[in-house]
Amino acid sequence: MNWQGVKESLQRQKERALEATGEGLLRFAPLLLAVYLLAAIVVGFFWSSEPERLPEQGASNAVVGTATTESLIYVADTLLSKPGGFISNDILPPGVWLDNIPNWEYGVLIQVRDLAKAMRESFSRSQTQSTENTFLAKAEPSLNFSSNSWAVPASESEYRNGIKQLEKYLRSLQSTNQPSAQFYARADNLNYWLQTVESRLGSLSQRLSASVGKRRLNTDLAGSTEAKQSTYSPHEMEVKTPWLKIDDVFYEARGASWALIHFLKAVERDFADVLAKKNARVSLQQIIRELESTQEPVYSPMILNGSGFGVLANHSLVMASYISRANASIIELRELLTKG
């Protein structure tokens, strides 16, 4: 028997089988790609759904600061545990294609960072010269880590570490054996955080209103004849949000409002005595109600940008209206807190 011939024949059959397999894969490659893209689109729609708000919680006799800390943990954890997880740092489909939910995440993340900063610098300290809480001192920088890092370390790992530090602070806050962990529900502490919230909402309101281009007078130095600024600015300027950024600002504002609703409801419980003394609880509730209006379902398939009194709606101006009213109420609330 010619073993060499048999060997060559088997080799040729193997080569023909490999060629047939390769041709089959090439033939079905477009179909496989189409199925993958369709699946990615379906998953993308699912991932783009905004998470539900935390259900209403009744009155509680919990330790002061528990509600605020728990709400901060919940909101931060929701960024990582919602459908699709944290999407802002995704580099593969469908996450890399999504646009609205990453901006929603950014709005939430900014509010998480602001409250974590307030807890570290104000809520947990009795005086400006007092020692800061070690858990909060570790949590804040972790939560301020870049939101677009996908590896070494990933944003998610840093945020989880921040959440773990917040959980340690919460446990020490509830423990009678660790008196060094405190939460001071004072009017000046609440005012400190609300000042930051006021600034954030004011900026969002201006950016949302700029969806319709307007010429505005420069009021940067209004109120002081001796005030100066670094470089010259024109007396009048055109302010308009770029067309491709309109939905980005809208969903950032929607995410920021979603987070603030949770934080303000927690503050209402932790600062109940302070608000009652200032007769300011109803003012806080009005702020929450205005922000809740920003969470109404968007039935349009896209964020419309009609002119102010035009035929089409302008979703940005509607959002700006709610946020502006909430911001005005925050200004009034801060005035109440500063009064004796």
Protein backbone atom coordinates (compact mmCIF):
# COMPACT_ATOMS: atom_id res chain seq x y z
CA MET A 1 0.00 0.00 0.00
CA ASN A 2 1.23 3.43 -0.96
CA TRP A 3 1.19 5.11 2.46
CA GLN A 4 2.62 8.30 1.02
CA GLY A 5 -0.30 8.60 -1.41
CA VAL A 6 -2.84 7.94 1.33
CA LYS A 7 -1.24 10.62 3.47
CA GLU A 8 -1.34 13.15 0.63
CA SER A 9 -4.98 12.29 -0.08
CA LEU A 10 -5.96 12.82 3.55
CA GLN A 11 -4.08 16.11 3.56
CA ARG A 12 -5.97 17.30 0.47
CA GLN A 13 -9.31 16.30 2.02
CA LYS A 14 -8.42 18.23 5.17
CA GLU A 15 -7.51 21.31 3.15
CA ARG A 16 -10.78 21.12 1.17
CA ALA A 17 -12.74 20.80 4.43
CA LEU A 18 -11.03 23.87 5.88
CA GLU A 19 -11.70 25.84 2.69
CA ALA A 20 -15.38 24.84 2.79
CA THR A 21 -15.63 25.88 6.45
CA GLY A 22 -14.02 29.24 5.70
CA GLU A 23 -16.34 29.86 2.78
CA GLY A 24 -19.33 28.96 4.96
CA LEU A 25 -18.28 31.41 7.63
CA LEU A 26 -17.77 34.15 5.05
CA ARG A 27 -21.19 33.40 3.59
CA PHE A 28 -22.90 33.75 6.97
CA ALA A 29 -20.75 36.63 8.26
CA PRO A 30 -23.16 39.40 7.12
CA LEU A 31 -26.07 37.57 8.75
CA LEU A 32 -24.17 37.08 12.00
CA LEU A 33 -23.16 40.75 12.00
CA ALA A 34 -26.75 41.84 11.40
CA VAL A 35 -27.99 39.64 14.27
CA TYR A 36 -25.31 41.06 16.58
CA LEU A 37 -26.16 44.67 15.68
CA LEU A 38 -29.88 44.03 16.14
CA ALA A 39 -29.25 42.45 19.55
CA ALA A 40 -27.02 45.40 20.51
CA ILE A 41 -29.77 47.86 19.56
CA VAL A 42 -32.38 45.98 21.63
CA VAL A 43 -30.02 45.82 24.62
CA GLY A 44 -29.21 49.51 24.13
CA PHE A 45 -32.89 50.45 24.44
CA PHE A 46 -33.11 48.43 27.65
CA TRP A 47 -29.98 50.01 29.08
CA SER A 48 -31.28 53.51 28.26
CA SER A 49 -34.19 53.18 30.68
CA GLU A 50 -33.83 55.41 33.73
CA PRO A 51 -33.98 53.67 37.14
CA GLU A 52 -36.94 54.09 39.44
CA ARG A 53 -36.81 56.36 42.45
CA LEU A 54 -36.50 54.94 45.95
CA PRO A 55 -39.99 54.40 47.42
CA GLU A 56 -41.29 56.83 50.01
CA GLN A 57 -40.11 56.14 53.56
CA GLY A 58 -42.13 57.00 56.63
CA ALA A 59 -40.97 58.69 59.79
CA SER A 60 -38.13 56.95 61.55
CA ASN A 61 -36.35 57.14 64.89
CA ALA A 62 -33.03 56.27 63.28
CA VAL A 63 -29.79 57.98 64.29
CA VAL A 64 -29.43 61.49 62.87
CA GLY A 65 -27.55 61.34 59.58
CA THR A 66 -28.68 57.82 58.73
CA ALA A 67 -31.20 58.93 56.09
CA THR A 68 -28.76 61.23 54.27
CA THR A 69 -25.96 58.67 54.30
CA GLU A 70 -28.25 55.85 53.14
CA SER A 71 -29.63 57.98 50.31
CA LEU A 72 -26.09 58.83 49.16
CA ILE A 73 -25.17 55.13 49.19
CA TYR A 74 -28.35 54.20 47.32
CA VAL A 75 -27.89 56.80 44.58
CA ALA A 76 -24.20 55.98 44.10
CA ASP A 77 -24.93 52.24 44.03
CA THR A 78 -27.72 52.76 41.48
CA LEU A 79 -25.15 54.16 39.06
CA LEU A 80 -23.40 50.78 39.14
CA SER A 81 -26.34 48.38 39.53
CA LYS A 82 -28.94 49.80 37.12
CA PRO A 83 -29.58 48.01 33.78
CA GLY A 84 -26.29 47.94 31.89
CA GLY A 85 -24.33 49.08 34.94
CA PHE A 86 -22.16 52.18 34.62
CA ILE A 87 -22.11 53.02 30.90
CA SER A 88 -20.10 56.25 30.69
CA ASN A 89 -16.78 54.38 30.36
CA ASP A 90 -17.94 51.65 27.94
CA ILE A 91 -15.75 51.16 24.87
CA LEU A 92 -17.83 48.43 23.17
CA PRO A 93 -21.37 48.33 21.74
CA PRO A 94 -24.02 48.98 22.75
CA GLY A 95 -22.72 51.16 25.59
CA VAL A 96 -20.35 53.14 23.38
CA TRP A 97 -23.28 54.10 21.13
CA LEU A 98 -25.51 55.39 23.89
CA ASP A 99 -25.70 59.10 24.50
CA ASN A 100 -28.55 60.04 26.82
CA ILE A 101 -27.92 57.70 29.74
CA PRO A 102 -24.20 58.62 30.12
CA ASN A 103 -25.25 62.27 30.48
CA TRP A 104 -27.90 61.21 32.99
CA GLU A 105 -25.15 59.38 34.89
CA TYR A 106 -22.96 62.49 34.84
CA GLY A 107 -25.73 64.62 36.33
CA VAL A 108 -26.21 62.08 39.12
CA LEU A 109 -22.48 61.74 39.70
CA ILE A 110 -22.01 65.50 40.15
CA GLN A 111 -24.66 65.56 42.88
CA VAL A 112 -23.11 62.50 44.56
CA ARG A 113 -19.74 64.22 44.61
CA ASP A 114 -21.17 67.47 45.98
CA LEU A 115 -22.98 65.73 48.84
CA ALA A 116 -19.94 63.57 49.66
CA LYS A 117 -17.86 66.75 49.85
CA ALA A 118 -20.43 68.43 52.11
CA MET A 119 -20.52 65.39 54.40
CA ARG A 120 -16.74 65.32 54.67
CA GLU A 121 -16.26 69.06 55.19
CA SER A 122 -19.41 70.09 57.03
CA PHE A 123 -22.01 67.53 58.12
CA SER A 124 -19.54 65.30 59.98
CA ARG A 125 -17.55 68.10 61.65
CA SER A 126 -18.59 70.20 64.64
CA GLN A 127 -16.19 73.07 63.87
CA THR A 128 -13.84 74.16 61.10
CA GLN A 129 -10.87 73.11 63.26
CA SER A 130 -12.26 69.66 64.10
CA THR A 131 -10.83 66.44 62.66
CA GLU A 132 -12.48 65.04 59.53
CA ASN A 133 -13.94 61.56 59.49
CA THR A 134 -11.44 59.05 58.07
CA PHE A 135 -14.08 57.06 56.14
CA LEU A 136 -15.50 60.16 54.46
CA ALA A 137 -11.96 61.38 53.74
CA LYS A 138 -11.42 58.19 51.70
CA ALA A 139 -14.88 58.11 50.13
CA GLU A 140 -14.78 61.57 48.56
CA PRO A 141 -11.66 61.12 46.36
CA SER A 142 -12.89 57.70 45.22
CA LEU A 143 -16.22 59.18 44.10
CA ASN A 144 -14.36 62.00 42.33
CA PHE A 145 -12.40 59.54 40.18
CA SER A 146 -12.67 59.98 36.40
CA SER A 147 -15.93 58.66 34.94
CA ASN A 148 -14.42 57.45 31.63
CA SER A 149 -11.70 55.11 32.86
CA TRP A 150 -12.46 51.56 31.73
CA ALA A 151 -9.39 49.77 33.14
CA VAL A 152 -6.53 49.97 35.66
CA PRO A 153 -8.44 51.08 37.60
CA ALA A 154 -11.94 51.09 36.21
CA SER A 155 -14.31 53.84 37.30
CA GLU A 156 -16.64 51.24 38.77
CA SER A 157 -13.97 49.84 41.12
CA GLU A 158 -13.19 53.30 42.48
CA TYR A 159 -16.85 54.14 42.99
CA ARG A 160 -17.45 50.81 44.75
CA ASN A 161 -14.59 51.62 47.08
CA GLY A 162 -16.20 54.98 47.82
CA ILE A 163 -19.51 53.25 48.57
CA LYS A 164 -17.76 50.82 50.91
CA GLN A 165 -16.24 53.74 52.83
CA LEU A 166 -19.68 55.35 53.11
CA GLU A 167 -21.09 52.07 54.45
CA LYS A 168 -18.31 51.98 57.07
CA TYR A 169 -19.18 55.54 58.07
CA LEU A 170 -22.86 54.57 58.33
CA ARG A 171 -22.09 51.60 60.58
CA SER A 172 -19.85 53.71 62.81
CA LEU A 173 -22.53 56.42 62.90
CA GLN A 174 -25.06 53.92 64.22
CA SER A 175 -22.64 52.40 66.73
CA THR A 176 -22.56 53.69 70.29
CA ASN A 177 -18.97 52.50 70.59
CA GLN A 178 -17.61 55.00 68.06
CA PRO A 179 -18.52 58.52 69.24
CA SER A 180 -15.97 60.04 66.85
CA ALA A 181 -18.34 59.37 63.92
CA GLN A 182 -20.95 62.11 63.99
CA PHE A 183 -23.49 63.86 61.78
CA TYR A 184 -24.35 67.40 62.87
CA ALA A 185 -27.80 68.45 61.67
CA ARG A 186 -27.36 72.21 62.01
CA ALA A 187 -28.80 75.04 59.94
CA ASP A 188 -25.35 76.28 58.88
CA ASN A 189 -24.33 72.81 57.68
CA LEU A 190 -27.48 72.46 55.60
CA ASN A 191 -26.97 75.96 54.23
CA TYR A 192 -23.43 75.00 53.19
CA TRP A 193 -24.64 72.16 50.97
CA LEU A 194 -27.66 74.06 49.64
CA GLN A 195 -25.34 76.81 48.42
CA THR A 196 -23.62 74.28 46.17
CA VAL A 197 -26.97 72.91 44.99
CA GLU A 198 -28.12 76.45 44.19
CA SER A 199 -25.02 77.04 42.07
CA ARG A 200 -25.44 73.75 40.18
CA LEU A 201 -29.11 74.31 39.42
CA GLY A 202 -28.48 77.88 38.35
CA SER A 203 -25.91 76.71 35.81
CA LEU A 204 -28.19 73.97 34.50
CA SER A 205 -31.06 76.44 34.14
CA GLN A 206 -28.92 78.79 32.07
CA ARG A 207 -27.63 76.00 29.83
CA LEU A 208 -31.13 74.64 29.29
CA SER A 209 -32.50 78.09 28.45
CA ALA A 210 -29.69 78.55 25.95
CA SER A 211 -31.30 75.90 23.73
CA VAL A 212 -32.93 78.93 22.10
CA GLY A 213 -30.17 81.36 21.22
CA LYS A 214 -30.53 84.77 22.84
CA ARG A 215 -28.41 87.88 23.03
CA ARG A 216 -27.69 88.60 26.68
CA LEU A 217 -26.15 91.52 28.47
CA ASN A 218 -23.00 90.80 30.46
CA THR A 219 -23.89 91.01 34.17
CA ASP A 220 -20.77 89.29 35.49
CA LEU A 221 -19.58 92.35 37.44
CA ALA A 222 -22.98 93.74 38.34
CA GLY A 223 -23.35 94.97 41.93
CA SER A 224 -19.81 96.19 42.53
CA THR A 225 -18.07 99.17 40.94
CA GLU A 226 -14.62 97.93 42.00
CA ALA A 227 -14.97 94.33 40.82
CA LYS A 228 -12.55 93.08 38.19
CA GLN A 229 -12.17 90.00 36.02
CA SER A 230 -9.16 88.35 34.40
CA THR A 231 -9.90 89.04 30.73
CA TYR A 232 -12.23 91.32 28.79
CA SER A 233 -15.76 90.17 28.00
CA PRO A 234 -18.08 91.95 25.53
CA HIS A 235 -21.00 93.96 26.91
CA GLU A 236 -23.45 91.84 24.92
CA MET A 237 -23.03 88.28 23.66
CA GLU A 238 -24.89 85.49 21.87
CA VAL A 239 -25.54 82.50 24.15
CA LYS A 240 -26.72 79.27 22.56
CA THR A 241 -26.24 75.58 23.33
CA PRO A 242 -24.93 73.69 20.25
CA TRP A 243 -27.66 71.68 18.55
CA LEU A 244 -25.92 68.35 19.16
CA LYS A 245 -25.54 69.15 22.87
CA ILE A 246 -29.16 70.03 23.63
CA ASP A 247 -30.21 66.49 24.61
CA ASP A 248 -26.96 66.09 26.58
CA VAL A 249 -27.79 69.04 28.82
CA PHE A 250 -31.41 67.88 29.14
CA TYR A 251 -30.48 64.42 30.43
CA GLU A 252 -27.73 65.79 32.68
CA ALA A 253 -30.35 68.02 34.31
CA ARG A 254 -32.74 65.09 34.55
CA GLY A 255 -30.12 62.96 36.29
CA ALA A 256 -29.12 65.75 38.68
CA SER A 257 -32.77 66.30 39.60
CA TRP A 258 -33.30 62.55 40.15
CA ALA A 259 -30.43 62.45 42.64
CA LEU A 260 -31.48 65.66 44.40
CA ILE A 261 -34.98 64.33 45.01
CA HIS A 262 -33.49 61.48 47.07
CA PHE A 263 -31.06 63.74 48.92
CA LEU A 264 -33.64 66.39 49.79
CA LYS A 265 -36.12 63.81 51.07
CA ALA A 266 -33.38 62.41 53.30
CA VAL A 267 -32.46 65.90 54.48
CA GLU A 268 -36.11 66.48 55.37
CA ARG A 269 -35.88 63.60 57.86
CA ASP A 270 -32.41 64.27 59.28
CA PHE A 271 -32.91 68.05 59.63
CA ALA A 272 -36.55 67.80 60.75
CA ASP A 273 -35.99 69.75 63.99
CA VAL A 274 -34.02 72.50 62.24
CA LEU A 275 -36.66 72.88 59.53
CA ALA A 276 -39.43 72.92 62.10
CA LYS A 277 -37.72 75.64 64.14
CA LYS A 278 -37.29 77.78 61.02
CA ASN A 279 -40.80 76.88 59.79
CA ALA A 280 -39.07 75.88 56.54
CA ARG A 281 -40.24 72.33 55.98
CA VAL A 282 -42.90 73.34 53.48
CA SER A 283 -40.28 75.30 51.53
CA LEU A 284 -38.17 72.15 51.24
CA GLN A 285 -41.20 70.13 50.18
CA GLN A 286 -41.93 72.66 47.43
CA ILE A 287 -38.39 72.24 46.09
CA ILE A 288 -38.89 68.47 45.99
CA ARG A 289 -42.20 68.87 44.19
CA GLU A 290 -40.67 71.08 41.49
CA LEU A 291 -37.85 68.59 40.94
CA GLU A 292 -40.30 65.68 40.77
CA SER A 293 -41.93 67.41 37.80
CA THR A 294 -38.64 67.04 35.89
CA GLN A 295 -39.03 63.25 36.04
CA GLU A 296 -42.26 63.07 34.03
CA PRO A 297 -42.06 60.58 31.10
CA VAL A 298 -40.71 61.92 27.81
CA TYR A 299 -43.12 60.65 25.17
CA SER A 300 -41.28 62.15 22.22
CA PRO A 301 -38.68 59.86 20.54
CA MET A 302 -36.23 62.77 20.67
CA ILE A 303 -35.70 65.96 22.66
CA LEU A 304 -37.48 68.67 20.67
CA ASN A 305 -36.01 72.14 20.38
CA GLY A 306 -38.78 74.36 19.05
CA SER A 307 -38.62 78.11 19.39
CA GLY A 308 -40.09 79.64 22.53
CA PHE A 309 -43.60 80.22 21.14
CA GLY A 310 -43.27 78.12 17.99
CA VAL A 311 -45.23 75.15 16.69
CA LEU A 312 -42.98 72.48 18.19
CA ALA A 313 -42.34 71.97 21.90
CA ASN A 314 -39.05 72.86 23.52
CA HIS A 315 -38.30 70.25 26.18
CA SER A 316 -35.23 72.13 27.41
CA LEU A 317 -37.27 75.24 28.24
CA VAL A 318 -39.82 73.15 30.13
CA MET A 319 -37.02 71.52 32.14
CA ALA A 320 -35.44 74.94 32.73
CA SER A 321 -38.76 76.24 34.09
CA TYR A 322 -38.97 73.51 36.75
CA ILE A 323 -35.31 73.81 37.72
CA SER A 324 -35.47 77.60 37.89
CA ARG A 325 -38.44 77.45 40.24
CA ALA A 326 -36.67 74.86 42.40
CA ASN A 327 -33.57 77.06 42.47
CA ALA A 328 -35.61 80.11 43.48
CA SER A 329 -37.13 78.09 46.33
CA ILE A 330 -33.65 77.01 47.45
CA ILE A 331 -32.61 80.67 47.64
CA GLU A 332 -35.62 81.40 49.83
CA LEU A 333 -34.91 78.35 52.00
CA ARG A 334 -31.32 79.45 52.55
CA GLU A 335 -32.55 82.87 53.65
CA LEU A 336 -34.85 81.21 56.19
CA LEU A 337 -31.96 79.11 57.52
CA THR A 338 -29.73 82.12 58.06
CA LYS A 339 -32.35 83.98 60.09
CA GLY A 340 -32.46 83.56 63.84
